[in-house]
Protein backbone atom coordinates (compact mmCIF):
# COMPACT_ATOMS: atom_id res chain seq x y z
CA UNK A 1 37.66 65.95 50.28
CA UNK A 2 41.09 64.14 50.21
CA UNK A 3 42.91 64.93 53.36
CA UNK A 4 40.26 67.01 55.07
CA UNK A 5 42.41 68.52 57.60
CA UNK A 6 45.73 67.19 56.82
CA UNK A 7 48.55 69.06 55.46
CA UNK A 8 51.38 68.65 52.64
CA UNK A 9 54.12 71.10 52.12
CA UNK A 10 55.10 73.86 49.90
CA UNK A 11 56.14 76.95 47.47
CA UNK A 12 59.03 79.23 47.07
CA UNK A 13 57.84 81.47 44.27
CA UNK A 14 55.08 83.44 46.67
CA UNK A 15 54.47 86.28 48.70
CA UNK A 16 54.76 90.29 49.92
CA UNK A 17 54.30 93.65 52.62
CA UNK A 18 52.47 95.85 55.57
CA UNK A 19 52.95 95.68 59.71
CA UNK A 20 49.75 95.72 60.92
CA UNK A 21 48.72 92.55 62.68
CA UNK A 22 49.69 88.77 62.80
CA UNK A 23 50.04 86.53 59.90
CA UNK A 24 46.69 85.35 58.63
CA UNK A 25 48.26 82.93 55.98
CA UNK A 26 50.65 80.21 55.83
CA UNK A 27 52.51 78.92 53.08
CA UNK A 28 54.63 75.81 53.14
CA UNK A 29 56.43 74.38 50.38
CA UNK A 30 57.77 71.00 49.96
CA UNK A 31 60.02 68.63 47.94
CA UNK A 32 57.42 68.01 45.42
CA UNK A 33 57.58 71.78 44.40
CA UNK A 34 61.63 71.42 44.35
CA UNK A 35 61.55 68.54 42.07
CA UNK A 36 58.97 70.56 39.60
CA UNK A 37 61.55 73.49 39.72
CA UNK A 38 64.34 71.03 38.99
CA UNK A 39 62.64 70.54 35.48
CA UNK A 40 61.24 73.62 34.38
CA UNK A 41 64.79 74.87 35.44
CA UNK A 42 67.05 72.69 32.98
CA UNK A 43 66.06 74.58 29.96
CA UNK A 44 67.13 78.35 31.80
CA UNK A 45 69.99 76.68 33.34
CA UNK A 46 71.09 75.26 29.74
CA UNK A 47 70.67 78.21 28.46
CA UNK A 48 72.67 80.26 30.98
CA UNK A 49 75.89 78.03 30.67
CA UNK A 50 76.14 78.43 26.87
CA UNK A 51 78.83 81.35 27.80
CA UNK A 52 81.58 82.40 25.26
CA UNK A 53 84.56 80.92 25.78
CA UNK A 54 88.34 83.00 24.99
CA UNK A 55 90.20 82.65 22.07
CA UNK A 56 92.81 79.25 23.03
CA UNK A 57 96.27 80.38 22.15
CA UNK A 58 97.84 77.59 20.22
CA UNK A 59 101.45 76.76 21.11
CA UNK A 60 101.84 73.15 19.36
CA UNK A 61 103.28 74.46 16.20
CA UNK A 62 106.30 76.31 15.42
CA UNK A 63 104.08 79.53 15.12
CA UNK A 64 101.92 80.89 18.04
CA UNK A 65 98.19 80.74 16.91
CA UNK A 66 95.21 81.87 18.13
CA UNK A 67 92.01 79.14 18.04
CA UNK A 68 88.54 79.83 18.30
CA UNK A 69 86.87 78.01 20.81
CA UNK A 70 83.04 77.73 20.97
CA UNK A 71 80.19 75.75 23.32
CA UNK A 72 78.40 74.30 20.94
CA UNK A 73 75.56 72.84 23.50
CA UNK A 74 74.82 72.42 27.05
CA UNK A 75 73.13 69.16 28.21
CA UNK A 76 71.98 68.65 31.65
CA UNK A 77 71.27 65.03 32.46
CA UNK A 78 70.80 66.30 36.35
CA UNK A 79 69.60 69.52 37.98
CA UNK A 80 68.68 68.58 41.24
CA UNK A 81 67.19 70.77 44.20
CA UNK A 82 67.32 69.97 48.09
CA UNK A 83 66.51 72.26 51.77
CA UNK A 84 68.70 72.74 54.06
CA UNK A 85 67.65 72.60 57.09
CA UNK A 86 67.72 76.24 58.83
CA UNK A 87 69.69 77.77 55.46
CA UNK A 88 68.21 77.57 52.40
CA UNK A 89 68.35 75.23 49.08
CA UNK A 90 71.46 73.37 47.98
CA UNK A 91 71.88 73.01 44.03
CA UNK A 92 73.25 70.20 42.17
CA UNK A 93 73.49 69.69 38.25
CA UNK A 94 75.77 67.62 36.07
CA UNK A 95 76.45 69.31 32.65
CA UNK A 96 77.73 67.62 29.33
CA UNK A 97 79.43 70.93 27.50
CA UNK A 98 80.18 70.12 23.67
CA UNK A 99 82.89 72.32 22.48
CA UNK A 100 84.31 72.88 19.06
CA UNK A 101 87.86 74.16 18.91
CA UNK A 102 88.76 75.65 15.59
CA UNK A 103 91.98 74.16 14.62
CA UNK A 104 93.44 74.34 10.92
CA UNK A 105 93.43 72.40 9.35
CA UNK A 106 91.30 70.01 11.03
CA UNK A 107 88.82 71.37 13.95
CA UNK A 108 88.53 69.33 17.15
CA UNK A 109 85.00 68.66 19.02
CA UNK A 110 84.98 67.89 22.40
CA UNK A 111 82.42 66.87 25.39
CA UNK A 112 83.41 68.25 28.80
CA UNK A 113 81.60 66.76 31.81
CA UNK A 114 80.70 69.17 34.67
CA UNK A 115 79.44 68.96 38.10
CA UNK A 116 78.08 72.01 39.72
CA UNK A 117 77.66 72.55 43.36
CA UNK A 118 75.55 75.91 44.58
CA UNK A 119 73.75 76.64 48.08
CA UNK A 120 71.29 79.08 48.19
CA UNK A 121 70.36 81.16 50.99
CA UNK A 122 66.57 82.28 51.45
CA UNK A 123 66.06 84.94 53.65
CA UNK A 124 63.40 87.78 53.93
CA UNK A 125 64.17 91.31 53.24
CA UNK A 126 62.55 94.77 54.78
CA UNK A 127 59.78 94.79 52.16
CA UNK A 128 58.38 91.61 53.01
CA UNK A 129 59.30 89.21 50.22
CA UNK A 130 62.10 86.50 49.83
CA UNK A 131 65.58 87.04 48.78
CA UNK A 132 67.77 84.49 47.50
CA UNK A 133 71.52 84.67 47.39
CA UNK A 134 74.17 82.46 46.69
CA UNK A 135 76.56 81.42 49.78
CA UNK A 136 78.75 78.95 47.83
CA UNK A 137 79.69 77.64 44.53
CA UNK A 138 81.94 75.42 42.67
CA UNK A 139 82.61 73.54 39.37
CA UNK A 140 84.20 70.00 39.54
CA UNK A 141 85.49 69.11 35.41
CA UNK A 142 86.05 65.83 34.45
CA UNK A 143 88.60 64.83 31.75
CA UNK A 144 87.12 65.63 28.45
CA UNK A 145 86.48 63.15 25.12
CA UNK A 146 87.16 63.76 21.74
CA UNK A 147 83.42 63.55 20.34
CA UNK A 148 84.44 61.56 17.16
CA UNK A 149 86.26 59.15 19.08
CA UNK A 150 89.56 60.40 17.08
CA UNK A 151 93.35 59.69 17.76
CA UNK A 152 94.41 62.26 15.70
CA UNK A 153 94.80 64.73 18.63
CA UNK A 154 97.42 64.28 20.91
CA UNK A 155 96.63 64.08 24.41
CA UNK A 156 99.19 66.97 25.25
CA UNK A 157 96.98 69.38 23.26
CA UNK A 158 93.65 68.03 24.88
CA UNK A 159 95.01 68.56 28.45
CA UNK A 160 95.92 72.10 26.84
CA UNK A 161 92.76 72.49 25.78
CA UNK A 162 91.11 71.41 28.76
CA UNK A 163 92.97 73.53 30.63
CA UNK A 164 92.17 76.65 28.74
CA UNK A 165 88.41 76.20 29.09
CA UNK A 166 88.34 75.02 32.71
CA UNK A 167 90.30 78.56 33.48
CA UNK A 168 87.59 80.31 31.64
CA UNK A 169 85.01 78.38 33.07
CA UNK A 170 85.56 77.72 36.46
CA UNK A 171 84.16 81.46 38.00
CA UNK A 172 82.16 81.92 34.95
CA UNK A 173 79.63 79.32 35.61
CA UNK A 174 79.07 80.47 38.99
CA UNK A 175 78.52 83.76 38.14
CA UNK A 176 76.01 82.74 35.64
CA UNK A 177 74.35 80.50 38.01
CA UNK A 178 74.03 83.82 40.45
CA UNK A 179 72.70 85.59 37.82
CA UNK A 180 69.64 83.39 37.50
CA UNK A 181 69.09 83.58 41.21
CA UNK A 182 68.97 87.35 40.97
CA UNK A 183 66.56 86.82 38.07
CA UNK A 184 64.68 84.71 40.37
CA UNK A 185 64.54 87.48 42.93
CA UNK A 186 63.08 90.10 40.54
CA UNK A 187 60.52 87.31 39.75
CA UNK A 188 59.65 86.96 43.45
CA UNK A 189 59.37 90.26 44.16
CA UNK A 190 56.12 90.59 42.07
CA UNK A 191 54.10 88.85 44.82
CA UNK A 192 54.50 92.40 46.48
CA UNK A 193 52.06 94.29 44.25
CA UNK A 194 48.43 95.06 44.86
CA UNK A 195 46.39 92.36 43.26
CA UNK A 196 42.37 93.62 42.72
CA UNK A 197 39.55 91.78 44.16
CA UNK A 198 37.01 94.52 43.12
CA UNK A 199 37.20 97.48 40.59
CA UNK A 200 38.12 99.87 44.33
CA UNK A 201 39.67 97.07 46.31
CA UNK A 202 43.16 94.90 46.46
CA UNK A 203 44.89 92.32 48.47
CA UNK A 204 48.36 92.55 49.14
CA UNK A 205 50.64 89.71 50.60
CA UNK A 206 54.28 89.66 52.71
CA UNK A 207 56.44 87.67 54.36
CA UNK A 208 56.58 88.47 57.66
CA UNK A 209 59.45 86.42 58.99
CA UNK A 210 62.59 84.44 58.11
CA UNK A 211 61.27 81.20 56.78
CA UNK A 212 61.17 78.15 58.93
CA UNK A 213 63.27 75.60 56.74
CA UNK A 214 63.54 71.66 57.34
CA UNK A 215 64.99 68.98 55.22
CA UNK A 216 61.45 68.22 53.87
CA UNK A 217 59.77 71.70 53.64
CA UNK A 218 59.75 75.59 53.80
CA UNK A 219 57.33 77.28 56.00
CA UNK A 220 56.15 81.32 55.68
CA UNK A 221 54.32 83.28 57.86
CA UNK A 222 52.54 85.55 55.47
CA UNK A 223 50.11 88.74 56.44
CA UNK A 224 47.30 89.28 53.97
CA UNK A 225 46.17 92.78 53.80
CA UNK A 226 42.95 93.64 52.01
CA UNK A 227 42.63 97.39 50.98
CA UNK A 228 39.37 99.32 49.74
CA UNK A 229 39.71 102.71 48.19
CA UNK A 230 43.69 102.51 49.41
CA UNK A 231 42.74 101.94 53.40
CA UNK A 232 43.23 98.69 55.02
CA UNK A 233 40.58 96.68 56.63
CA UNK A 234 41.37 95.93 59.88
CA UNK A 235 39.45 93.90 62.31
CA UNK A 236 40.48 92.68 65.78
CA UNK A 237 41.92 89.40 65.66
CA UNK A 238 40.40 86.29 67.57
CA UNK A 239 42.95 85.78 70.53
CA UNK A 240 46.29 86.83 71.15
CA UNK A 241 48.29 84.14 68.93
CA UNK A 242 49.24 83.43 65.57
CA UNK A 243 47.30 81.55 62.99
CA UNK A 244 49.26 78.23 62.77
CA UNK A 245 49.14 75.20 60.88
CA UNK A 246 50.00 71.76 62.44
CA UNK A 247 52.45 69.68 60.86
CA UNK A 248 52.52 68.56 57.43
CA UNK A 249 50.88 65.13 57.34
CA UNK A 250 48.77 64.38 54.54
CA UNK A 251 49.03 65.38 51.33
CA UNK A 252 52.51 64.50 50.76
CA UNK A 253 52.21 65.22 47.08
CA UNK A 254 51.45 68.61 47.06
CA UNK A 255 54.08 71.05 46.01
CA UNK A 256 52.15 74.01 47.88
CA UNK A 257 49.94 74.25 51.13
CA UNK A 258 48.19 76.99 51.58
CA UNK A 259 46.57 77.80 55.35
CA UNK A 260 43.64 80.62 55.22
CA UNK A 261 42.72 81.85 58.53
CA UNK A 262 39.07 82.53 59.48
CA UNK A 263 40.56 86.16 60.00
CA UNK A 264 41.30 86.89 56.42
CA UNK A 265 37.57 85.39 55.57
CA UNK A 266 36.06 87.84 57.82
CA UNK A 267 37.83 91.23 56.41
CA UNK A 268 37.31 89.81 52.73
CA UNK A 269 33.81 89.73 53.61
CA UNK A 270 33.68 93.44 55.84
CA UNK A 271 35.48 94.63 52.50
CA UNK A 272 32.63 93.49 50.26
CA UNK A 273 30.21 94.89 52.85
CA UNK A 274 31.64 98.37 52.95
CA UNK A 275 32.21 98.27 49.12
CA UNK A 276 28.52 97.80 48.95
CA UNK A 277 29.17 95.17 46.48
CA UNK A 278 26.71 92.44 48.16
CA UNK A 279 23.52 95.21 47.68
CA UNK A 280 21.19 94.33 44.93
CA UNK A 281 18.18 95.99 43.34
CA UNK A 282 15.63 93.44 42.39
CA UNK A 283 13.12 94.75 39.92
CA UNK A 284 9.21 92.74 39.20
CA UNK A 285 7.84 92.59 35.96
CA UNK A 286 3.98 93.16 35.20
CA UNK A 287 3.07 90.15 33.44
CA UNK A 288 6.02 87.97 34.37
CA UNK A 289 5.74 84.21 35.72
CA UNK A 290 9.45 84.19 36.46
CA UNK A 291 9.00 87.47 38.75
CA UNK A 292 5.26 88.25 39.70
CA UNK A 293 6.30 91.00 41.84
CA UNK A 294 4.13 93.80 41.42
CA UNK A 295 1.20 95.55 43.56
CA UNK A 296 -1.48 93.71 41.86
CA UNK A 297 -0.06 90.40 43.44
CA UNK A 298 0.83 92.30 46.48
CA UNK A 299 -2.35 93.68 46.56
CA UNK A 300 -3.92 90.28 46.86
CA UNK A 301 -2.20 89.68 50.15
CA UNK A 302 -1.87 93.28 51.57
CA UNK A 303 -5.22 95.16 51.32
CA UNK A 304 -3.82 98.70 51.54
CA UNK A 305 -1.60 97.95 48.68
CA UNK A 306 -4.36 97.16 46.45
CA UNK A 307 -6.12 100.53 47.62
CA UNK A 308 -3.25 102.81 46.86
CA UNK A 309 -2.74 101.21 43.54
CA UNK A 310 -5.58 100.34 41.71
CA UNK A 311 -3.77 99.70 38.60
CA UNK A 312 -0.90 97.38 38.77
CA UNK A 313 2.63 98.57 39.02
CA UNK A 314 6.20 97.00 38.96
CA UNK A 315 7.66 96.45 42.85
CA UNK A 316 11.27 97.01 44.01
CA UNK A 317 13.45 94.84 46.58
CA UNK A 318 16.24 97.03 47.75
CA UNK A 319 18.71 94.74 49.38
CA UNK A 320 21.10 96.49 51.63
CA UNK A 321 23.51 94.93 53.86
CA UNK A 322 24.18 96.88 56.70
CA UNK A 323 25.80 94.20 58.80
CA UNK A 324 28.66 92.21 57.73
CA UNK A 325 28.26 88.68 56.59
CA UNK A 326 29.44 85.57 58.78
CA UNK A 327 31.55 83.21 57.48
CA UNK A 328 31.39 79.89 59.57
CA UNK A 329 34.17 77.39 58.99
CA UNK A 330 33.79 73.80 60.46
CA UNK A 331 35.52 70.35 59.30
CA UNK A 332 34.38 69.32 55.83
CA UNK A 333 32.01 72.45 55.27
CA UNK A 334 31.25 75.92 55.91
CA UNK A 335 28.36 78.44 55.84
CA UNK A 336 27.91 82.13 55.11
CA UNK A 337 25.16 84.29 56.98
CA UNK A 338 23.69 87.51 56.16
CA UNK A 339 21.10 89.85 57.33
CA UNK A 340 20.27 92.37 54.83
CA UNK A 341 17.55 94.74 55.45
CA UNK A 342 15.12 95.01 52.37
CA UNK A 343 13.04 97.72 51.67
CA UNK A 344 10.05 97.13 49.33
CA UNK A 345 9.03 100.23 46.90
CA UNK A 346 6.32 100.12 44.08
CA UNK A 347 6.79 102.53 41.23
CA UNK A 348 4.28 105.24 40.98
CA UNK A 349 2.30 106.83 37.87
CA UNK A 350 5.11 109.39 38.37
CA UNK A 351 7.83 107.02 37.96
CA UNK A 352 8.87 108.07 41.85
CA UNK A 353 9.34 104.80 44.15
CA UNK A 354 6.89 105.11 46.74
CA UNK A 355 7.99 103.19 49.88
CA UNK A 356 6.02 100.53 51.08
CA UNK A 357 7.29 98.48 53.85
CA UNK A 358 10.82 97.22 54.92
CA UNK A 359 12.12 93.44 55.99
CA UNK A 360 14.45 92.36 58.23
CA UNK A 361 15.99 89.19 56.65
CA UNK A 362 18.22 86.23 57.80
CA UNK A 363 19.59 83.95 54.85
CA UNK A 364 21.87 80.67 55.66
CA UNK A 365 23.79 79.64 52.64
CA UNK A 366 25.92 76.52 52.39
CA UNK A 367 29.23 77.78 51.00
CA UNK A 368 31.73 75.93 48.64
CA UNK A 369 35.25 76.86 48.10
CA UNK A 370 37.69 76.31 45.17
CA UNK A 371 40.56 77.08 43.52
CA UNK A 372 41.27 78.42 39.65
CA UNK A 373 44.57 79.55 38.54
CA UNK A 374 46.00 81.62 41.80
CA UNK A 375 42.64 82.79 42.88
CA UNK A 376 40.38 81.15 45.82
CA UNK A 377 36.71 80.99 44.44
CA UNK A 378 33.08 80.28 45.99
CA UNK A 379 29.95 79.34 45.30
CA UNK A 380 26.58 79.22 47.69
CA UNK A 381 23.44 77.17 47.90
CA UNK A 382 20.39 77.76 49.83
CA UNK A 383 20.58 76.30 53.63
CA UNK A 384 16.87 76.14 54.55
CA UNK A 385 14.59 78.96 53.76
CA UNK A 386 14.59 82.78 54.69
CA UNK A 387 13.60 83.97 57.92
CA UNK A 388 12.16 87.30 57.28
CA UNK A 389 10.22 89.92 59.70
CA UNK A 390 8.64 93.24 59.02
CA UNK A 391 10.76 96.15 60.29
CA UNK A 392 8.50 99.12 59.04
CA UNK A 393 5.26 99.26 57.39
CA UNK A 394 3.68 102.01 55.38
CA UNK A 395 0.93 99.67 54.07
CA UNK A 396 -0.58 98.93 57.42
CA UNK A 397 -0.62 95.57 59.26
CA UNK A 398 1.05 92.62 57.18
CA UNK A 399 0.46 88.94 57.75
CA UNK A 400 4.01 87.50 57.12
CA UNK A 401 2.47 84.09 56.32
CA UNK A 402 0.77 85.26 53.53
CA UNK A 403 3.67 87.34 52.16
CA UNK A 404 6.55 84.91 52.68
CA UNK A 405 5.75 82.90 49.47
CA UNK A 406 6.06 85.28 47.04
CA UNK A 407 8.57 87.65 48.66
CA UNK A 408 11.13 84.12 48.99
CA UNK A 409 10.43 83.14 45.27
CA UNK A 410 11.54 86.48 43.77
CA UNK A 411 14.05 86.80 46.14
CA UNK A 412 16.22 83.54 46.38
CA UNK A 413 17.26 83.45 42.93
CA UNK A 414 18.49 87.11 41.99
CA UNK A 415 20.62 86.87 45.35
CA UNK A 416 22.38 83.86 44.63
CA UNK A 417 22.99 84.89 41.20
CA UNK A 418 24.49 88.21 42.55
CA UNK A 419 26.66 86.38 45.48
CA UNK A 420 27.96 83.46 42.98
CA UNK A 421 28.83 85.84 40.20
CA UNK A 422 30.59 88.09 42.80
CA UNK A 423 32.15 84.94 44.91
CA UNK A 424 33.13 83.56 41.37
CA UNK A 425 35.82 86.62 40.58
CA UNK A 426 37.72 85.11 43.68
CA UNK A 427 40.46 86.36 45.20
CA UNK A 428 43.95 86.31 44.90
CA UNK A 429 46.41 83.79 46.56
CA UNK A 430 49.82 84.08 47.24
CA UNK A 431 51.49 83.85 44.00
CA UNK A 432 54.12 85.18 41.90
CA UNK A 433 53.58 86.25 37.88
CA UNK A 434 52.38 83.53 35.44
CA UNK A 435 52.63 80.84 38.41
CA UNK A 436 49.17 79.14 38.66
CA UNK A 437 47.55 76.55 41.21
CA UNK A 438 46.63 73.29 39.60
CA UNK A 439 44.66 69.97 40.94
CA UNK A 440 44.03 71.78 44.00
CA UNK A 441 42.40 70.32 46.70
CA UNK A 442 40.54 72.56 49.27
CA UNK A 443 39.92 71.56 52.82
CA UNK A 444 37.73 72.82 55.26
CA UNK A 445 39.36 72.66 59.13
CA UNK A 446 37.67 74.28 62.07
CA UNK A 447 38.21 77.92 61.80
CA UNK A 448 40.48 77.84 58.68
CA UNK A 449 40.83 76.20 55.31
CA UNK A 450 43.54 74.44 53.81
CA UNK A 451 44.43 74.29 49.99
CA UNK A 452 47.01 71.65 48.88
CA UNK A 453 47.88 72.39 45.27
CA UNK A 454 50.36 71.57 42.54
CA UNK A 455 51.74 74.56 40.75
CA UNK A 456 52.47 75.14 37.21
CA UNK A 457 54.42 78.51 35.88
CA UNK A 458 53.30 79.22 31.92
CA UNK A 459 55.27 82.63 30.63
């Protein structure tokens, strides 16, 4: 993967809470993310600035007249966001207001340029989500010009109209910007909800401390808590220090960089093991070339099976993971080790399952990770062969050298299919409603995983 353990910057639309352990995730948002927000934020800001202006009291004639004033449109040729170190984000925008004054007998259309400047403070609230607030806001008005270039409007009247519009807009525009920020806070709050992992399991994220903000990026320590049947999955942390990422060096074009610790993977696998999601049954079929697991085939290898079952009967493998799977993260690759126990049972003529023997199995798998939308997903493949040993037997002595080929042949594909379907469901990454990760690159490093990604907001 490009930038194999190097990190880029990050994202302001993520994260959520519980106080249990040290952070297991780090999220950084960089300038590319701010550029994206600037781009998609133009339309909402233009709509928000389309405010209602009060009537203008025209004193130019002998009779005082109330004249309607309407903003026909707002165009933002410029919207820029940048980080303010140790504080938050600065918003600067240039807006051109097209305004119609309904004078009689001749209406007047104006273009009024306005520069907006606002500083947005970024903090963390008590429930572990980001909170944005306007610290300072100002609007600077440039002289208006008539849209048609007509000279029929006196400069005095034009100045009076401008003064009236400025008085109306000067506070109103900052109130609208503040309203947009409050709407964004509601959106950021969607991070703290539980995201499903499986039928009975969820994950929840929360920001654990005030974000670190430099002129180049914003970094957040994020706690990830996995729940099974409403109870948190807790493991002792590896070492006494929180998970940290090195300084952002590579992937400079990434909008977001998310670092996931070994601890998060350990908790996820423990949750799957406790939920029984990794267990499966493999049933043989009579007269099947794809799964020739039956008493007739076993009887050719184990004489006692042939004696107990003179007629061919299907054989069932019950695979259970009593031990938690182990994921190991090395530079550029990751592995998954399973140690399932396998009960080998045969269907008797009465349809009851009869225990034959049990096996201790060790499986080493190559684990590949990828991101789709807002989830980290995985796929596995065999890394070497199975290691099989007899645990208990109800059919006498078993020569594993003879049984190995049959068991491994019928065991591997169903196991991989089951695991890949499970890992393909994925686990939610820190995100908010309607925000997806795009063009993501996953890099495996020693003891952690780094995701460098773009972002896409879709309603």
